[in-house]
């Protein structure tokens, strides 16, 4: 759908802007809910919760454990496009950017949610939301560079295992730095 000529230019930009805005909205929501959780939990308990979540997500990403993650198993309806060339793609991106209205391909987003709930500040929440939105933008708009139908999906199926493992190792290294800086 994104490879359609209709998506070039302004609609693609407003879609990506919506993805980033949606990422920020959900990150700030996690910050606010987390402020209620952080108060009664001491630092070692919060770090332990993140460590348990990291181990579970790592084992799931590597295929050692298999369990479903909570997700809305339907896509954002195409009826949002009735809003026009800017507002329609923006709303579509906003809903996708929150991650609560569509599929999430990785457990790393859930691990990020746990970290945001238990450790975020306003600055880190906004930064994580922007990063989530930009990551979704990169994944979705990369399909625009493939002219043939299904080319992106074939490329992804060929490289997804390597990309997933690289992202997992990078994420866990960053998380280790974060947790070690807290002590």
Protein backbone atom coordinates (compact mmCIF):
# COMPACT_ATOMS: atom_id res chain seq x y z
CA UNK A 1 0.00 0.00 0.00
CA UNK A 2 2.79 2.46 0.83
CA UNK A 3 4.48 1.81 -2.50
CA UNK A 4 1.54 3.42 -4.30
CA UNK A 5 2.38 6.74 -6.02
CA UNK A 6 -0.33 8.31 -3.84
CA UNK A 7 1.99 7.85 -0.85
CA UNK A 8 4.89 9.85 -2.31
CA UNK A 9 5.59 13.33 -0.95
CA UNK A 10 3.25 14.96 1.57
CA UNK A 11 1.19 11.87 2.54
CA UNK A 12 4.36 9.88 3.34
CA UNK A 13 5.71 12.79 5.39
CA UNK A 14 2.46 13.22 7.34
CA UNK A 15 2.30 9.45 7.91
CA UNK A 16 5.83 9.48 9.39
CA UNK A 17 5.01 12.57 11.44
CA UNK A 18 2.00 10.69 12.81
CA UNK A 19 4.18 7.69 13.67
CA UNK A 20 6.54 9.90 15.67
CA UNK A 21 3.66 11.73 17.37
CA UNK A 22 2.05 8.39 18.26
CA UNK A 23 5.31 7.13 19.72
CA UNK A 24 5.59 10.23 21.89
CA UNK A 25 1.95 9.93 23.02
CA UNK A 26 2.34 6.34 24.19
CA UNK A 27 5.73 7.01 25.82
CA UNK A 28 4.32 9.93 27.81
CA UNK A 29 1.32 7.79 28.81
CA UNK A 30 3.73 5.11 30.06
CA UNK A 31 5.68 7.80 31.95
CA UNK A 32 2.51 9.00 33.67
CA UNK A 33 1.30 5.52 34.61
CA UNK A 34 4.83 4.60 35.66
CA UNK A 35 4.98 7.53 38.05
CA UNK A 36 2.43 5.66 40.16
CA UNK A 37 4.48 2.45 40.01
CA UNK A 38 7.89 3.98 40.65
CA UNK A 39 6.96 5.66 43.93
CA UNK A 40 6.43 2.54 46.08
CA UNK A 41 9.03 0.31 44.38
CA UNK A 42 12.66 0.54 45.47
CA UNK A 43 15.36 0.70 42.79
CA UNK A 44 16.50 -2.96 43.14
CA UNK A 45 12.93 -4.21 42.63
CA UNK A 46 12.45 -2.03 39.55
CA UNK A 47 15.82 -3.17 38.13
CA UNK A 48 14.87 -6.79 38.84
CA UNK A 49 11.57 -6.38 36.97
CA UNK A 50 13.43 -4.99 33.96
CA UNK A 51 15.96 -7.83 34.14
CA UNK A 52 13.19 -10.47 34.21
CA UNK A 53 11.43 -8.79 31.30
CA UNK A 54 14.72 -8.60 29.37
CA UNK A 55 15.40 -12.31 29.87
CA UNK A 56 11.87 -13.27 28.80
CA UNK A 57 11.92 -11.04 25.72
CA UNK A 58 15.41 -12.25 24.77
CA UNK A 59 14.37 -15.91 25.01
CA UNK A 60 11.24 -15.15 22.97
CA UNK A 61 13.17 -13.24 20.29
CA UNK A 62 15.66 -16.11 19.99
CA UNK A 63 12.83 -18.63 19.65
CA UNK A 64 13.67 -20.49 22.87
CA UNK A 65 10.32 -19.56 24.41
CA UNK A 66 7.08 -19.15 22.54
CA UNK A 67 4.32 -17.07 24.03
CA UNK A 68 1.99 -14.47 22.60
CA UNK A 69 2.42 -10.84 23.46
CA UNK A 70 -0.65 -8.69 23.95
CA UNK A 71 -1.51 -6.95 20.73
CA UNK A 72 -4.46 -5.74 18.77
CA UNK A 73 -4.57 -8.22 15.91
CA UNK A 74 -6.15 -5.92 13.38
CA UNK A 75 -4.81 -3.15 11.28
CA UNK A 76 -5.77 0.50 11.42
CA UNK A 77 -8.85 0.83 9.19
CA UNK A 78 -8.36 2.45 5.82
CA UNK A 79 -11.37 4.67 6.52
CA UNK A 80 -8.98 7.18 8.11
CA UNK A 81 -8.00 8.25 4.59
CA UNK A 82 -11.32 10.03 4.15
CA UNK A 83 -9.71 12.87 6.11
CA UNK A 84 -7.55 13.99 3.17
CA UNK A 85 -3.94 13.83 1.97
CA UNK A 86 -2.42 15.17 5.21
CA UNK A 87 -4.85 14.42 8.05
CA UNK A 88 -5.68 10.87 6.87
CA UNK A 89 -2.10 9.60 6.69
CA UNK A 90 -1.26 11.52 9.88
CA UNK A 91 -4.09 9.81 11.80
CA UNK A 92 -3.10 6.45 10.31
CA UNK A 93 0.50 7.06 11.45
CA UNK A 94 -0.60 8.31 14.86
CA UNK A 95 -2.60 5.16 15.51
CA UNK A 96 0.21 2.92 14.25
CA UNK A 97 2.78 4.95 16.18
CA UNK A 98 1.13 4.26 19.51
CA UNK A 99 1.61 0.54 18.88
CA UNK A 100 -1.70 -0.26 20.55
CA UNK A 101 -3.81 -0.33 17.40
CA UNK A 102 -1.81 -2.69 15.20
CA UNK A 103 0.82 -5.43 15.18
CA UNK A 104 4.16 -5.08 16.95
CA UNK A 105 6.75 -7.30 15.26
CA UNK A 106 9.16 -7.47 18.18
CA UNK A 107 9.10 -7.97 21.91
CA UNK A 108 11.64 -5.16 22.27
CA UNK A 109 8.79 -2.65 22.21
CA UNK A 110 7.30 -4.35 25.26
CA UNK A 111 10.66 -4.32 27.02
CA UNK A 112 10.89 -0.60 26.26
CA UNK A 113 7.45 -0.15 27.81
CA UNK A 114 8.63 -1.84 31.02
CA UNK A 115 11.74 0.37 31.13
CA UNK A 116 9.64 3.50 30.54
CA UNK A 117 7.16 2.49 33.23
CA UNK A 118 9.85 1.89 35.82
CA UNK A 119 12.66 4.33 34.99
CA UNK A 120 11.72 7.09 32.58
CA UNK A 121 11.95 10.83 32.99
CA UNK A 122 10.07 13.26 30.76
CA UNK A 123 13.13 13.65 28.52
CA UNK A 124 13.80 9.94 28.18
CA UNK A 125 10.10 9.24 27.55
CA UNK A 126 9.95 11.76 24.70
CA UNK A 127 13.27 10.49 23.29
CA UNK A 128 12.02 6.88 23.40
CA UNK A 129 8.74 7.89 21.76
CA UNK A 130 10.54 9.73 18.96
CA UNK A 131 12.88 6.76 18.47
CA UNK A 132 9.95 4.32 18.34
CA UNK A 133 8.17 6.48 15.78
CA UNK A 134 11.30 6.89 13.67
CA UNK A 135 11.91 3.15 13.81
CA UNK A 136 8.40 2.45 12.62
CA UNK A 137 8.86 5.10 9.91
CA UNK A 138 12.03 3.43 8.72
CA UNK A 139 10.41 0.00 8.57
CA UNK A 140 7.26 1.14 6.81
CA UNK A 141 8.69 3.63 4.36
CA UNK A 142 11.58 1.40 3.35
CA UNK A 143 9.01 -0.40 1.22
CA UNK A 144 8.83 2.75 -0.95
CA UNK A 145 12.27 1.92 -2.39
CA UNK A 146 11.05 -1.38 -3.86
CA UNK A 147 9.23 -1.08 -7.15
CA UNK A 148 8.09 -4.68 -7.49
CA UNK A 149 5.25 -6.11 -5.45
CA UNK A 150 6.53 -8.19 -2.57
CA UNK A 151 10.18 -7.19 -3.02
CA UNK A 152 10.44 -5.67 0.41
CA UNK A 153 8.80 -8.68 2.05
CA UNK A 154 11.23 -11.04 0.30
CA UNK A 155 14.19 -8.93 1.40
CA UNK A 156 12.89 -8.79 4.97
CA UNK A 157 12.33 -12.55 5.14
CA UNK A 158 15.89 -13.05 3.92
CA UNK A 159 17.47 -10.69 6.46
CA UNK A 160 15.04 -10.61 9.40
CA UNK A 161 16.91 -13.09 11.59
CA UNK A 162 20.18 -11.18 11.35
CA UNK A 163 18.49 -7.81 11.84
CA UNK A 164 16.52 -9.09 14.83
CA UNK A 165 19.63 -10.48 16.50
CA UNK A 166 21.67 -7.31 15.88
CA UNK A 167 18.86 -5.17 17.31
CA UNK A 168 18.50 -7.48 20.29
CA UNK A 169 22.22 -7.42 21.15
CA UNK A 170 22.39 -3.65 20.68
CA UNK A 171 19.31 -3.11 22.81
CA UNK A 172 20.55 -5.38 25.60
CA UNK A 173 23.96 -3.66 25.60
CA UNK A 174 22.29 -0.26 25.95
CA UNK A 175 20.05 -1.63 28.69
CA UNK A 176 23.07 -3.02 30.56
CA UNK A 177 24.72 0.40 30.41
CA UNK A 178 21.52 2.00 31.72
CA UNK A 179 21.15 -0.43 34.61
CA UNK A 180 24.83 -0.25 35.57
CA UNK A 181 24.67 3.55 35.63
CA UNK A 182 21.84 3.38 38.19
CA UNK A 183 23.91 1.66 40.84
